[in-house]
Amino acid sequence: MITIGTPWLWTGFAAFVIVALIVDFVVLKKEGAHQVGLREAGIWSAIWVGLSLVFAGLLWWWMTRVAGGEVADARVIEFLTGYLIEKSLAIDNVFVFLTIFTYFALPGEFQKRALMIGIIAAIVLRAVMIFAGSVLIERFDWILYVFGAFLVLTGIKMWTSVGKKSSLDANPALRMLRKVMRVTPHHDGENLTTMHKGVRMATPLLLIIALIGVTDVIFAVDSIPAIFAITTDPFIVLTSNIFAVLGLRAMFFLLADMADRFHLLPYGLAVILLFVGAKMLAAGVFHIPPLVSLAVILAILGTTIALSLKMPQKAQAERTQ
């Protein structure tokens, strides 16, 4: 498998992720259970985005030394494009997580812990999926066309399902988890298990964490092939993906209260999936440079966000009158 990832690069990235998670847990424990405010979410979002850009800068510096400026520019653009794709598609995760917390009436002060543990599980599962995808692509290069067709179909489905309300009652992942887990009817603080009628059972918080992990993997089935449309280098795919996921918790608290303001964003995400899917399908005919892909994705996101703010949803407009 062709990759720029040397043993030193892999080790350095793994060490960074581990240290970041440890720091996050230490801060979480020190602060205790509390409702995350907009200011705190904004600060942490800025920190995670800043660290991603620092990593991109270090990657450029290293690649310039070992492979020259042209290769370094190409790899960093691939990283930033993959990061932006994953960050954009993760917005859908935010809306789903909000639905899960509302469904289970999870108090705001416990949501941070649920997301933290759920995201760790998501990181491990995504790493497995990315390496499996890289192996498949190396052995069967035609699978990229399968990924492309899948993304086009997913984009069409996402576009046609905008505005349709979904219920967790019919969610197959939730039904499966309830079959394998005995869950208490009430929360017990931040405990993941508790005694109920003389039997140790899982609390709703543990069920929520498991559901977050499963849901993220389902979304990764869309987002990971989308990054493979930009590059097949597993190091670039994994690092861009993980950096986006590490900032997912902060992004949730930043966007949760503003979900209605970006009501047109799902259309933009659908168009992004259609674009990267078409890019994959057309790879044998013509090549779209990563810089062009980055510009197109930025334009799509900027347009849908601007239109959402300019044309507020009817329900939101009525609330502000």
C-alpha atoms as a PDB file:
ATOM      1  CA  MET A   1       0.000   0.000   0.000  1.00  0.00           C
ATOM      2  CA  ILE A   2       1.456   3.335  -1.136  1.00  0.00           C
ATOM      3  CA  THR A   3       1.640   5.905   1.667  1.00  0.00           C
ATOM      4  CA  ILE A   4       3.771   8.769   2.909  1.00  0.00           C
ATOM      5  CA  GLY A   5       3.344   7.387   6.414  1.00  0.00           C
ATOM      6  CA  THR A   6       6.723   6.332   7.813  1.00  0.00           C
ATOM      7  CA  PRO A   7       7.002   4.519  11.175  1.00  0.00           C
ATOM      8  CA  TRP A   8       8.000   7.864  12.739  1.00  0.00           C
ATOM      9  CA  LEU A   9       4.977   9.670  11.269  1.00  0.00           C
ATOM     10  CA  TRP A  10       2.569   6.945  12.401  1.00  0.00           C
ATOM     11  CA  THR A  11       4.118   6.867  15.877  1.00  0.00           C
ATOM     12  CA  GLY A  12       4.036  10.651  16.198  1.00  0.00           C
ATOM     13  CA  PHE A  13       0.403  10.873  15.123  1.00  0.00           C
ATOM     14  CA  ALA A  14      -0.656   8.036  17.459  1.00  0.00           C
ATOM     15  CA  ALA A  15       1.185   9.705  20.349  1.00  0.00           C
ATOM     16  CA  PHE A  16      -0.528  13.018  19.617  1.00  0.00           C
ATOM     17  CA  VAL A  17      -4.004  11.431  19.607  1.00  0.00           C
ATOM     18  CA  ILE A  18      -3.339   9.580  22.866  1.00  0.00           C
ATOM     19  CA  VAL A  19      -1.993  12.704  24.592  1.00  0.00           C
ATOM     20  CA  ALA A  20      -4.937  14.791  23.307  1.00  0.00           C
ATOM     21  CA  LEU A  21      -7.446  12.266  24.650  1.00  0.00           C
ATOM     22  CA  ILE A  22      -5.674  12.059  28.024  1.00  0.00           C
ATOM     23  CA  VAL A  23      -5.676  15.853  28.343  1.00  0.00           C
ATOM     24  CA  ASP A  24      -9.337  15.891  27.366  1.00  0.00           C
ATOM     25  CA  PHE A  25     -10.205  13.319  30.039  1.00  0.00           C
ATOM     26  CA  VAL A  26      -8.185  15.158  32.693  1.00  0.00           C
ATOM     27  CA  VAL A  27      -9.970  18.421  31.874  1.00  0.00           C
ATOM     28  CA  LEU A  28     -13.325  16.607  31.839  1.00  0.00           C
ATOM     29  CA  LYS A  29     -12.675  15.085  35.268  1.00  0.00           C
ATOM     30  CA  LYS A  30     -11.433  18.386  36.718  1.00  0.00           C
ATOM     31  CA  GLU A  31     -14.453  20.332  35.477  1.00  0.00           C
ATOM     32  CA  GLY A  32     -16.915  17.637  36.536  1.00  0.00           C
ATOM     33  CA  ALA A  33     -20.380  17.189  35.086  1.00  0.00           C
ATOM     34  CA  HIS A  34     -21.640  20.513  33.776  1.00  0.00           C
ATOM     35  CA  GLN A  35     -23.638  22.080  30.978  1.00  0.00           C
ATOM     36  CA  VAL A  36     -21.284  23.107  28.169  1.00  0.00           C
ATOM     37  CA  GLY A  37     -21.878  26.715  27.152  1.00  0.00           C
ATOM     38  CA  LEU A  38     -21.434  28.365  23.785  1.00  0.00           C
ATOM     39  CA  ARG A  39     -18.207  30.107  24.877  1.00  0.00           C
ATOM     40  CA  GLU A  40     -16.567  26.874  26.066  1.00  0.00           C
ATOM     41  CA  ALA A  41     -17.651  25.043  22.905  1.00  0.00           C
ATOM     42  CA  GLY A  42     -16.279  27.866  20.750  1.00  0.00           C
ATOM     43  CA  ILE A  43     -12.912  27.811  22.520  1.00  0.00           C
ATOM     44  CA  TRP A  44     -12.534  24.033  22.176  1.00  0.00           C
ATOM     45  CA  SER A  45     -13.626  24.145  18.531  1.00  0.00           C
ATOM     46  CA  ALA A  46     -10.973  26.767  17.836  1.00  0.00           C
ATOM     47  CA  ILE A  47      -8.363  24.649  19.645  1.00  0.00           C
ATOM     48  CA  TRP A  48      -9.134  21.516  17.610  1.00  0.00           C
ATOM     49  CA  VAL A  49      -9.192  23.415  14.311  1.00  0.00           C
ATOM     50  CA  GLY A  50      -5.945  25.141  15.294  1.00  0.00           C
ATOM     51  CA  LEU A  51      -4.259  21.818  16.102  1.00  0.00           C
ATOM     52  CA  SER A  52      -5.404  20.448  12.736  1.00  0.00           C
ATOM     53  CA  LEU A  53      -3.798  23.404  10.961  1.00  0.00           C
ATOM     54  CA  VAL A  54      -0.623  23.015  13.021  1.00  0.00           C
ATOM     55  CA  PHE A  55      -0.473  19.364  11.963  1.00  0.00           C
ATOM     56  CA  ALA A  56      -0.952  20.412   8.321  1.00  0.00           C
ATOM     57  CA  GLY A  57       1.939  22.873   8.706  1.00  0.00           C
ATOM     58  CA  LEU A  58       4.217  20.260  10.266  1.00  0.00           C
ATOM     59  CA  LEU A  59       3.272  17.778   7.556  1.00  0.00           C
ATOM     60  CA  TRP A  60       4.149  20.353   4.876  1.00  0.00           C
ATOM     61  CA  TRP A  61       7.497  21.095   6.561  1.00  0.00           C
ATOM     62  CA  TRP A  62       8.379  17.407   6.776  1.00  0.00           C
ATOM     63  CA  MET A  63       7.308  16.571   3.213  1.00  0.00           C
ATOM     64  CA  THR A  64       9.216  19.580   1.876  1.00  0.00           C
ATOM     65  CA  ARG A  65      12.374  18.189   3.453  1.00  0.00           C
ATOM     66  CA  VAL A  66      11.948  14.609   2.214  1.00  0.00           C
ATOM     67  CA  ALA A  67      10.097  15.004  -1.096  1.00  0.00           C
ATOM     68  CA  GLY A  68      10.188  18.647  -2.190  1.00  0.00           C
ATOM     69  CA  GLY A  69       7.739  21.544  -2.186  1.00  0.00           C
ATOM     70  CA  GLU A  70       5.466  20.292  -4.972  1.00  0.00           C
ATOM     71  CA  VAL A  71       4.759  16.968  -3.250  1.00  0.00           C
ATOM     72  CA  ALA A  72       4.367  18.725   0.112  1.00  0.00           C
ATOM     73  CA  ASP A  73       1.785  21.129  -1.340  1.00  0.00           C
ATOM     74  CA  ALA A  74      -0.189  18.250  -2.877  1.00  0.00           C
ATOM     75  CA  ARG A  75      -0.258  16.161   0.324  1.00  0.00           C
ATOM     76  CA  VAL A  76      -1.303  19.092   2.523  1.00  0.00           C
ATOM     77  CA  ILE A  77      -4.104  20.077   0.115  1.00  0.00           C
ATOM     78  CA  GLU A  78      -5.314  16.455   0.205  1.00  0.00           C
ATOM     79  CA  PHE A  79      -5.258  16.532   4.018  1.00  0.00           C
ATOM     80  CA  LEU A  80      -7.180  19.816   4.224  1.00  0.00           C
ATOM     81  CA  THR A  81      -9.739  18.685   1.627  1.00  0.00           C
ATOM     82  CA  GLY A  82     -10.306  15.376   3.430  1.00  0.00           C
ATOM     83  CA  TYR A  83     -10.563  17.215   6.753  1.00  0.00           C
ATOM     84  CA  LEU A  84     -13.125  19.640   5.340  1.00  0.00           C
ATOM     85  CA  ILE A  85     -15.206  16.824   3.825  1.00  0.00           C
ATOM     86  CA  GLU A  86     -15.278  14.903   7.096  1.00  0.00           C
ATOM     87  CA  LYS A  87     -15.954  18.065   9.127  1.00  0.00           C
ATOM     88  CA  SER A  88     -18.843  18.961   6.817  1.00  0.00           C
ATOM     89  CA  LEU A  89     -20.442  15.521   6.837  1.00  0.00           C
ATOM     90  CA  ALA A  90     -20.016  15.387  10.624  1.00  0.00           C
ATOM     91  CA  ILE A  91     -22.643  18.121  10.877  1.00  0.00           C
ATOM     92  CA  ASP A  92     -25.216  15.426  10.174  1.00  0.00           C
ATOM     93  CA  ASN A  93     -23.835  13.537  13.187  1.00  0.00           C
ATOM     94  CA  VAL A  94     -24.525  16.606  15.319  1.00  0.00           C
ATOM     95  CA  PHE A  95     -28.215  16.602  14.405  1.00  0.00           C
ATOM     96  CA  VAL A  96     -28.500  12.851  15.054  1.00  0.00           C
ATOM     97  CA  PHE A  97     -26.723  13.102  18.420  1.00  0.00           C
ATOM     98  CA  LEU A  98     -29.108  15.892  19.373  1.00  0.00           C
ATOM     99  CA  THR A  99     -32.038  13.608  18.513  1.00  0.00           C
ATOM    100  CA  ILE A 100     -30.551  10.799  20.646  1.00  0.00           C
ATOM    101  CA  PHE A 101     -30.040  13.044  23.686  1.00  0.00           C
ATOM    102  CA  THR A 102     -33.558  14.450  23.370  1.00  0.00           C
ATOM    103  CA  TYR A 103     -35.102  10.988  22.964  1.00  0.00           C
ATOM    104  CA  PHE A 104     -33.431   9.689  26.139  1.00  0.00           C
ATOM    105  CA  ALA A 105     -33.872  13.006  28.004  1.00  0.00           C
ATOM    106  CA  LEU A 106     -30.151  13.028  28.839  1.00  0.00           C
ATOM    107  CA  PRO A 107     -29.359  16.008  31.102  1.00  0.00           C
ATOM    108  CA  GLY A 108     -27.017  18.548  29.530  1.00  0.00           C
ATOM    109  CA  GLU A 109     -24.327  18.062  32.177  1.00  0.00           C
ATOM    110  CA  PHE A 110     -23.865  14.410  31.148  1.00  0.00           C
ATOM    111  CA  GLN A 111     -23.784  14.937  27.384  1.00  0.00           C
ATOM    112  CA  LYS A 112     -20.095  15.842  27.342  1.00  0.00           C
ATOM    113  CA  ARG A 113     -19.083  12.508  28.907  1.00  0.00           C
ATOM    114  CA  ALA A 114     -21.341  10.549  26.558  1.00  0.00           C
ATOM    115  CA  LEU A 115     -19.807  12.190  23.497  1.00  0.00           C
ATOM    116  CA  MET A 116     -16.248  11.786  24.804  1.00  0.00           C
ATOM    117  CA  ILE A 117     -16.481   8.025  25.268  1.00  0.00           C
ATOM    118  CA  GLY A 118     -18.552   7.552  22.129  1.00  0.00           C
ATOM    119  CA  ILE A 119     -15.986   9.420  20.035  1.00  0.00           C
ATOM    120  CA  ILE A 120     -13.125   7.242  21.340  1.00  0.00           C
ATOM    121  CA  ALA A 121     -15.031   4.168  20.164  1.00  0.00           C
ATOM    122  CA  ALA A 122     -15.637   5.903  16.828  1.00  0.00           C
ATOM    123  CA  ILE A 123     -11.906   6.623  16.386  1.00  0.00           C
ATOM    124  CA  VAL A 124     -10.997   2.944  16.854  1.00  0.00           C
ATOM    125  CA  LEU A 125     -13.740   1.710  14.528  1.00  0.00           C
ATOM    126  CA  ARG A 126     -12.925   4.298  11.847  1.00  0.00           C
ATOM    127  CA  ALA A 127      -9.245   3.320  11.899  1.00  0.00           C
ATOM    128  CA  VAL A 128     -10.231  -0.299  11.255  1.00  0.00           C
ATOM    129  CA  MET A 129     -12.536   0.744   8.404  1.00  0.00           C
ATOM    130  CA  ILE A 130      -9.906   2.973   6.780  1.00  0.00           C
ATOM    131  CA  PHE A 131      -7.208   0.293   6.781  1.00  0.00           C
ATOM    132  CA  ALA A 132      -9.710  -2.268   5.476  1.00  0.00           C
ATOM    133  CA  GLY A 133     -10.712   0.161   2.713  1.00  0.00           C
ATOM    134  CA  SER A 134      -7.069   0.799   1.798  1.00  0.00           C
ATOM    135  CA  VAL A 135      -6.400  -2.939   1.490  1.00  0.00           C
ATOM    136  CA  LEU A 136      -9.473  -3.419  -0.712  1.00  0.00           C
ATOM    137  CA  ILE A 137      -8.491  -0.521  -2.980  1.00  0.00           C
ATOM    138  CA  GLU A 138      -4.949  -1.842  -3.313  1.00  0.00           C
ATOM    139  CA  ARG A 139      -6.181  -5.291  -4.354  1.00  0.00           C
ATOM    140  CA  PHE A 140      -9.264  -4.268  -6.327  1.00  0.00           C
ATOM    141  CA  ASP A 141      -8.839  -0.802  -7.842  1.00  0.00           C
ATOM    142  CA  TRP A 142     -12.305  -1.050  -9.413  1.00  0.00           C
ATOM    143  CA  ILE A 143     -13.820  -0.751  -5.940  1.00  0.00           C
ATOM    144  CA  LEU A 144     -13.311   3.020  -6.195  1.00  0.00           C
ATOM    145  CA  TYR A 145     -16.086   3.042  -8.803  1.00  0.00           C
ATOM    146  CA  VAL A 146     -18.310   1.124  -6.366  1.00  0.00           C
ATOM    147  CA  PHE A 147     -17.568   3.768  -3.735  1.00  0.00           C
ATOM    148  CA  GLY A 148     -18.384   6.496  -6.261  1.00  0.00           C
ATOM    149  CA  ALA A 149     -21.734   4.967  -7.201  1.00  0.00           C
ATOM    150  CA  PHE A 150     -22.552   4.483  -3.514  1.00  0.00           C
ATOM    151  CA  LEU A 151     -21.823   8.146  -2.761  1.00  0.00           C
ATOM    152  CA  VAL A 152     -23.990   9.321  -5.657  1.00  0.00           C
ATOM    153  CA  LEU A 153     -26.904   7.181  -4.447  1.00  0.00           C
ATOM    154  CA  THR A 154     -26.345   8.388  -0.861  1.00  0.00           C
ATOM    155  CA  GLY A 155     -26.326  12.005  -2.017  1.00  0.00           C
ATOM    156  CA  ILE A 156     -29.616  11.511  -3.860  1.00  0.00           C
ATOM    157  CA  LYS A 157     -31.151   9.816  -0.818  1.00  0.00           C
ATOM    158  CA  MET A 158     -29.945  12.599   1.482  1.00  0.00           C
ATOM    159  CA  TRP A 159     -31.427  15.258  -0.830  1.00  0.00           C
ATOM    160  CA  THR A 160     -34.836  13.549  -1.033  1.00  0.00           C
ATOM    161  CA  SER A 161     -35.005  12.901   2.723  1.00  0.00           C
ATOM    162  CA  VAL A 162     -34.376  16.519   3.807  1.00  0.00           C
ATOM    163  CA  GLY A 163     -37.225  17.706   6.007  1.00  0.00           C
ATOM    164  CA  LYS A 164     -38.549  14.223   6.748  1.00  0.00           C
ATOM    165  CA  LYS A 165     -38.742  13.537  10.455  1.00  0.00           C
ATOM    166  CA  SER A 166     -37.282  10.259  11.692  1.00  0.00           C
ATOM    167  CA  SER A 167     -38.019   8.483  14.948  1.00  0.00           C
ATOM    168  CA  LEU A 168     -35.541   6.532  17.026  1.00  0.00           C
ATOM    169  CA  ASP A 169     -38.290   4.045  17.863  1.00  0.00           C
ATOM    170  CA  ALA A 170     -37.768   2.428  14.458  1.00  0.00           C
ATOM    171  CA  ASN A 171     -33.980   2.725  14.516  1.00  0.00           C
ATOM    172  CA  PRO A 172     -32.497  -0.771  13.864  1.00  0.00           C
ATOM    173  CA  ALA A 173     -29.297   0.029  15.795  1.00  0.00           C
ATOM    174  CA  LEU A 174     -31.302   0.989  18.886  1.00  0.00           C
ATOM    175  CA  ARG A 175     -33.438  -2.157  18.620  1.00  0.00           C
ATOM    176  CA  MET A 176     -30.302  -4.309  18.321  1.00  0.00           C
ATOM    177  CA  LEU A 177     -28.620  -2.674  21.338  1.00  0.00           C
ATOM    178  CA  ARG A 178     -31.734  -3.089  23.469  1.00  0.00           C
ATOM    179  CA  LYS A 179     -31.736  -6.808  22.687  1.00  0.00           C
ATOM    180  CA  VAL A 180     -28.177  -7.293  23.947  1.00  0.00           C
ATOM    181  CA  MET A 181     -28.274  -4.818  26.854  1.00  0.00           C
ATOM    182  CA  ARG A 182     -30.507  -4.808  29.923  1.00  0.00           C
ATOM    183  CA  VAL A 183     -31.175  -1.117  30.549  1.00  0.00           C
ATOM    184  CA  THR A 184     -32.624   0.617  33.604  1.00  0.00           C
ATOM    185  CA  PRO A 185     -35.591   2.932  33.039  1.00  0.00           C
ATOM    186  CA  HIS A 186     -33.863   5.920  34.666  1.00  0.00           C
ATOM    187  CA  HIS A 187     -30.477   7.670  34.598  1.00  0.00           C
ATOM    188  CA  ASP A 188     -28.056   7.277  37.517  1.00  0.00           C
ATOM    189  CA  GLY A 189     -25.783  10.307  37.218  1.00  0.00           C
ATOM    190  CA  GLU A 190     -22.661   9.529  35.167  1.00  0.00           C
ATOM    191  CA  ASN A 191     -22.713   5.836  36.071  1.00  0.00           C
ATOM    192  CA  LEU A 192     -22.689   3.452  33.118  1.00  0.00           C
ATOM    193  CA  THR A 193     -24.097   0.556  35.157  1.00  0.00           C
ATOM    194  CA  THR A 194     -26.190   0.442  38.323  1.00  0.00           C
ATOM    195  CA  MET A 195     -28.165  -1.928  40.511  1.00  0.00           C
ATOM    196  CA  HIS A 196     -31.863  -2.135  39.648  1.00  0.00           C
ATOM    197  CA  LYS A 197     -34.169  -4.491  41.533  1.00  0.00           C
ATOM    198  CA  GLY A 198     -31.163  -6.472  42.764  1.00  0.00           C
ATOM    199  CA  VAL A 199     -29.673  -6.889  39.275  1.00  0.00           C
ATOM    200  CA  ARG A 200     -26.744  -4.956  37.776  1.00  0.00           C
ATOM    201  CA  MET A 201     -27.939  -3.348  34.570  1.00  0.00           C
ATOM    202  CA  ALA A 202     -26.745  -0.784  32.059  1.00  0.00           C
ATOM    203  CA  THR A 203     -27.941   2.776  32.511  1.00  0.00           C
ATOM    204  CA  PRO A 204     -29.439   4.747  29.598  1.00  0.00           C
ATOM    205  CA  LEU A 205     -26.088   6.624  29.459  1.00  0.00           C
ATOM    206  CA  LEU A 206     -24.244   3.419  28.457  1.00  0.00           C
ATOM    207  CA  LEU A 207     -26.902   2.723  25.830  1.00  0.00           C
ATOM    208  CA  ILE A 208     -26.510   6.278  24.493  1.00  0.00           C
ATOM    209  CA  ILE A 209     -22.707   5.897  24.265  1.00  0.00           C
ATOM    210  CA  ALA A 210     -23.067   2.618  22.371  1.00  0.00           C
ATOM    211  CA  LEU A 211     -25.634   4.188  20.052  1.00  0.00           C
ATOM    212  CA  ILE A 212     -23.317   7.150  19.370  1.00  0.00           C
ATOM    213  CA  GLY A 213     -20.523   4.757  18.390  1.00  0.00           C
ATOM    214  CA  VAL A 214     -22.756   2.683  16.114  1.00  0.00           C
ATOM    215  CA  THR A 215     -24.309   5.792  14.554  1.00  0.00           C
ATOM    216  CA  ASP A 216     -20.900   7.291  13.838  1.00  0.00           C
ATOM    217  CA  VAL A 217     -19.785   4.114  12.077  1.00  0.00           C
ATOM    218  CA  ILE A 218     -22.917   4.242   9.924  1.00  0.00           C
ATOM    219  CA  PHE A 219     -22.084   7.823   8.937  1.00  0.00           C
ATOM    220  CA  ALA A 220     -18.453   6.825   8.341  1.00  0.00           C
ATOM    221  CA  VAL A 221     -19.666   4.487   5.588  1.00  0.00           C
ATOM    222  CA  ASP A 222     -20.441   7.699   3.663  1.00  0.00           C
ATOM    223  CA  SER A 223     -17.583   9.945   4.734  1.00  0.00           C
ATOM    224  CA  ILE A 224     -14.637   7.551   4.459  1.00  0.00           C
ATOM    225  CA  PRO A 225     -15.284   6.663   0.774  1.00  0.00           C
ATOM    226  CA  ALA A 226     -15.660  10.417   0.162  1.00  0.00           C
ATOM    227  CA  ILE A 227     -12.108  11.020   1.403  1.00  0.00           C
ATOM    228  CA  PHE A 228     -10.824   8.133  -0.725  1.00  0.00           C
ATOM    229  CA  ALA A 229     -12.086  10.217  -3.662  1.00  0.00           C
ATOM    230  CA  ILE A 230      -9.398  12.760  -2.758  1.00  0.00           C
ATOM    231  CA  THR A 231      -6.541  10.393  -1.919  1.00  0.00           C
ATOM    232  CA  THR A 232      -5.983   6.672  -1.362  1.00  0.00           C
ATOM    233  CA  ASP A 233      -3.040   7.256   0.994  1.00  0.00           C
ATOM    234  CA  PRO A 234      -4.185   5.683   4.310  1.00  0.00           C
ATOM    235  CA  PHE A 235      -2.061   8.129   6.332  1.00  0.00           C
ATOM    236  CA  ILE A 236      -3.782  11.167   4.830  1.00  0.00           C
ATOM    237  CA  VAL A 237      -7.220   9.529   5.010  1.00  0.00           C
ATOM    238  CA  LEU A 238      -6.797   8.484   8.654  1.00  0.00           C
ATOM    239  CA  THR A 239      -5.247  11.702   9.956  1.00  0.00           C
ATOM    240  CA  SER A 240      -7.789  13.988   8.263  1.00  0.00           C
ATOM    241  CA  ASN A 241     -10.607  11.764   9.514  1.00  0.00           C
ATOM    242  CA  ILE A 242      -9.390  11.533  13.103  1.00  0.00           C
ATOM    243  CA  PHE A 243      -8.671  15.264  13.414  1.00  0.00           C
ATOM    244  CA  ALA A 244     -12.234  15.991  12.285  1.00  0.00           C
ATOM    245  CA  VAL A 245     -13.678  13.448  14.751  1.00  0.00           C
ATOM    246  CA  LEU A 246     -11.616  14.795  17.666  1.00  0.00           C
ATOM    247  CA  GLY A 247     -13.364  18.147  17.258  1.00  0.00           C
ATOM    248  CA  LEU A 248     -16.814  16.606  16.885  1.00  0.00           C
ATOM    249  CA  ARG A 249     -17.810  16.972  20.533  1.00  0.00           C
ATOM    250  CA  ALA A 250     -17.011  20.687  20.633  1.00  0.00           C
ATOM    251  CA  MET A 251     -18.791  21.174  17.316  1.00  0.00           C
ATOM    252  CA  PHE A 252     -21.897  19.473  18.728  1.00  0.00           C
ATOM    253  CA  PHE A 253     -22.243  21.984  21.569  1.00  0.00           C
ATOM    254  CA  LEU A 254     -21.426  24.833  19.196  1.00  0.00           C
ATOM    255  CA  LEU A 255     -24.104  23.906  16.638  1.00  0.00           C
ATOM    256  CA  ALA A 256     -26.764  22.158  18.725  1.00  0.00           C
ATOM    257  CA  ASP A 257     -28.621  25.373  19.506  1.00  0.00           C
ATOM    258  CA  MET A 258     -28.257  26.673  15.962  1.00  0.00           C
ATOM    259  CA  ALA A 259     -29.487  23.630  14.028  1.00  0.00           C
ATOM    260  CA  ASP A 260     -32.575  25.449  12.738  1.00  0.00           C
ATOM    261  CA  ARG A 261     -30.495  28.303  11.327  1.00  0.00           C
ATOM    262  CA  PHE A 262     -28.681  26.000   8.904  1.00  0.00           C
ATOM    263  CA  HIS A 263     -31.777  24.240   7.561  1.00  0.00           C
ATOM    264  CA  LEU A 264     -30.453  24.255   3.978  1.00  0.00           C
ATOM    265  CA  LEU A 265     -27.111  22.707   4.918  1.00  0.00           C
ATOM    266  CA  PRO A 266     -28.307  19.102   4.366  1.00  0.00           C
ATOM    267  CA  TYR A 267     -28.860  20.019   0.704  1.00  0.00           C
ATOM    268  CA  GLY A 268     -25.269  21.237   0.555  1.00  0.00           C
ATOM    269  CA  LEU A 269     -23.999  18.006   2.123  1.00  0.00           C
ATOM    270  CA  ALA A 270     -25.987  16.029  -0.437  1.00  0.00           C
ATOM    271  CA  VAL A 271     -24.394  18.028  -3.263  1.00  0.00           C
ATOM    272  CA  ILE A 272     -20.930  17.391  -1.777  1.00  0.00           C
ATOM    273  CA  LEU A 273     -21.579  13.643  -1.789  1.00  0.00           C
ATOM    274  CA  LEU A 274     -22.818  13.848  -5.384  1.00  0.00           C
ATOM    275  CA  PHE A 275     -19.709  15.812  -6.367  1.00  0.00           C
ATOM    276  CA  VAL A 276     -17.157  13.457  -4.790  1.00  0.00           C
ATOM    277  CA  GLY A 277     -19.097  10.434  -6.069  1.00  0.00           C
ATOM    278  CA  ALA A 278     -19.058  11.828  -9.610  1.00  0.00           C
ATOM    279  CA  LYS A 279     -15.347  12.624  -9.197  1.00  0.00           C
ATOM    280  CA  MET A 280     -14.701   8.953  -8.384  1.00  0.00           C
ATOM    281  CA  LEU A 281     -16.785   7.662 -11.276  1.00  0.00           C
ATOM    282  CA  ALA A 282     -15.059  10.013 -13.736  1.00  0.00           C
ATOM    283  CA  ALA A 283     -11.523   9.279 -12.468  1.00  0.00           C
ATOM    284  CA  GLY A 284     -10.735   7.112 -15.500  1.00  0.00           C
ATOM    285  CA  VAL A 285     -11.721   9.890 -17.928  1.00  0.00           C
ATOM    286  CA  PHE A 286     -10.366  13.054 -16.298  1.00  0.00           C
ATOM    287  CA  HIS A 287      -8.718  14.033 -13.022  1.00  0.00           C
ATOM    288  CA  ILE A 288     -10.001  16.826 -10.803  1.00  0.00           C
ATOM    289  CA  PRO A 289      -7.074  18.327  -8.843  1.00  0.00           C
ATOM    290  CA  PRO A 290      -7.418  18.300  -5.021  1.00  0.00           C
ATOM    291  CA  LEU A 291      -7.196  22.119  -4.939  1.00  0.00           C
ATOM    292  CA  VAL A 292     -10.220  22.364  -7.255  1.00  0.00           C
ATOM    293  CA  SER A 293     -12.090  19.853  -5.073  1.00  0.00           C
ATOM    294  CA  LEU A 294     -11.283  21.938  -1.988  1.00  0.00           C
ATOM    295  CA  ALA A 295     -12.545  25.110  -3.688  1.00  0.00           C
ATOM    296  CA  VAL A 296     -15.771  23.423  -4.848  1.00  0.00           C
ATOM    297  CA  ILE A 297     -16.546  22.035  -1.382  1.00  0.00           C
ATOM    298  CA  LEU A 298     -15.873  25.416   0.256  1.00  0.00           C
ATOM    299  CA  ALA A 299     -18.147  27.093  -2.298  1.00  0.00           C
ATOM    300  CA  ILE A 300     -20.968  24.606  -1.671  1.00  0.00           C
ATOM    301  CA  LEU A 301     -20.761  24.997   2.101  1.00  0.00           C
ATOM    302  CA  GLY A 302     -20.499  28.782   1.934  1.00  0.00           C
ATOM    303  CA  THR A 303     -23.473  29.046  -0.417  1.00  0.00           C
ATOM    304  CA  THR A 304     -25.799  26.814   1.606  1.00  0.00           C
ATOM    305  CA  ILE A 305     -24.866  28.510   4.900  1.00  0.00           C
ATOM    306  CA  ALA A 306     -25.381  31.969   3.397  1.00  0.00           C
ATOM    307  CA  LEU A 307     -28.743  30.973   1.890  1.00  0.00           C
ATOM    308  CA  SER A 308     -29.839  29.415   5.209  1.00  0.00           C
ATOM    309  CA  LEU A 309     -29.155  32.681   7.027  1.00  0.00           C
ATOM    310  CA  LYS A 310     -30.731  34.785   4.279  1.00  0.00           C
ATOM    311  CA  MET A 311     -33.883  32.637   4.006  1.00  0.00           C
ATOM    312  CA  PRO A 312     -34.705  31.490   7.552  1.00  0.00           C
ATOM    313  CA  GLN A 313     -36.991  28.538   8.060  1.00  0.00           C
ATOM    314  CA  LYS A 314     -40.654  29.415   8.512  1.00  0.00           C
ATOM    315  CA  ALA A 315     -40.827  28.028  12.053  1.00  0.00           C
ATOM    316  CA  GLN A 316     -37.697  29.923  13.057  1.00  0.00           C
ATOM    317  CA  ALA A 317     -38.962  33.144  11.504  1.00  0.00           C
ATOM    318  CA  GLU A 318     -42.223  32.848  13.444  1.00  0.00           C
ATOM    319  CA  ARG A 319     -40.334  32.372  16.716  1.00  0.00           C
ATOM    320  CA  THR A 320     -38.269  35.514  16.163  1.00  0.00           C
ATOM    321  CA  GLN A 321     -41.310  37.714  15.442  1.00  0.00           C
END
